[in-house]
Amino acid sequence: MHYDRVGNAIMKHCGGPTNFIHVTNCMTRVRMTIADPALVDMASLKGIEGVLGVVEDDTLQVIVGPGKSSKVATVINGLLKGDKTEGKISVSVEQKAKLARERAKKQTRTKIILKHIANVFVPILPALIAAGILMGLNNVIVNSAASWALSHAVSAVGDLTPAQVVLEQRHLLGISQFLEIISKALFGFLAIYAGVTSAREFDGNLILGGLLGAITIMPQVKELGLFPGQGGLIGVIFTVWLMCLLEKQVRRFVPDMVDVVVTPTIVLLVMAAAQLFVIMPAAGVVSDGILHGLNGLLVHGGIAAGFVLSALFPFLISLGLHHGLFPVHLEMINATGHAPLFAIQIMSNAGMVGAATAVLLLTRDPMMKKIAKGAIPTSILAVGEPTIFGVNIPAGFAFITGSIGAGFGGVMVVLLGISTNGVGAAGLSALPLISDGKYLQYILAWLVGCAAAFTLTYIVGKVRGYDKETV
């Protein structure tokens, strides 16, 4: 991809530099806050070579694929910084208010909440994926050593466990400890990172947000009858949201001369007390209820639950709401060490790959073939957005048949008892995240979902005459 060309084209078709308020990116999308959506030429934007799809939401999201979104966003931000127009990215209060009203009309309260939660985790996602993969690699090393120690009756030596003795003999103990430090540095302090990004999302003080997150994981909370991490990330995000509201109100009454001292002190005292004595206990009840409910659904719902949940996840991805489930996955990992729901979720990847492969074989459109050839390998290795927005949604029926096919992958996940000990990655890159060494079972479930989606899409495409449609 020619990143400069794509970035310039996106800026041009979005109304020029003065129409941009903010530009950022997630794994596959360039996310742009636009001042006046009426100035955006959607048809031309979707026609840019390299653009796989466009989603209109609270931000305008241009899908370009993993590894490319950050480069394109960097190009656009560079162009914005270099623009010398006097009114560059200056948006009046009236424009912002109008934009907010228009967005509010388009969204339900549930969708707004999920979008906020998703935005909290988008900046953390690369680190989550990296730490999760490293944790998975370490689990492979440690589990192999533990299995060897058990089968060969290896005994502990000094402070070393039997597994560590085997790792030391294999000269892998240092590597294992290194990987463990990295992964625990992410998951052990995730409440702090979530506090910082929540404060950014809700326009509050970033360090105060991180501090409120840190309070929840302090060992001293046991003295108040709590346990570290009680209430989870859901409680942290809610607390920081309240903190941001309180901070704005306090600033209205505190004189400017003492604002830097008085405002953060009042906010911290009030919110820390609310967090420790109200929010953490209440959020603990809520998070426990969610976890028990989901575990009950997976246990008692069986393969039906696996099918329905996997089939629904592509729709969440298409709406950009899938990151809103991260707190649930992470709470399941904190509580049980595993995230079975995430294993079901990533079967959506298999369904989208299978459907896109059928479209590739059926279509006579050379542009669709070109996009599919680029999108399918990316989705096999990592995320499903390229096949969702570049192939299956444009084809129409393939998105539905692919989602149904993903459901069969979810059935296999439940039948084979597959779970993960990390979150973030999908496709083959999720292999290191699979818990209990069930790598072959995961591949089998993925292939079943892919094959089911391929078969359904191919049959429906033939029946609809999709293979006979000409450009």
Foldseek 3Di string as FASTA:
>chain_A
DPLLVLLVQQQVQLQHQLQWQDWDFFFFKIWTQGLDNVSHDQVSNCVPPQFQFWDDALTIITGRHGPNNHSNSVSNVVVLVPDPDPNGSPHDPVSVVVSVVVRVVVDDPVLVLLVLLLQLCRVVQVLQLVLLLLVLVLQVLQVVLVVVCVVVVQCADDPRHSSLVSCVVVVNNVVSVVSVVSSCVCLVLVLLSSQQSLCVSLVHDNNLRSVLSVLQQDCVLVVVVAHRQQLHNVLSSVLSNVLSVQLVVVVVPDDPVCNVPPSSVVSSVVSSCCSSPPSRVVSNVVLVVLLVVVVCCLVVVALVSLLVLQLCLLVCVSNVSNSSCVRNQSSCCVVPLWRLSQLSNLLLLLLLLLLLVLQLVQAPDPQSVVQSVVQNVSSQFWNRVSSSRNHQVVVPVLSNLSSSLSSQLSNLCSVVVWIFSGDNTHHPSCQSRIPPPCSVSSVVSSNSSSNSSNVSNNVVCVVVVNSVDDD
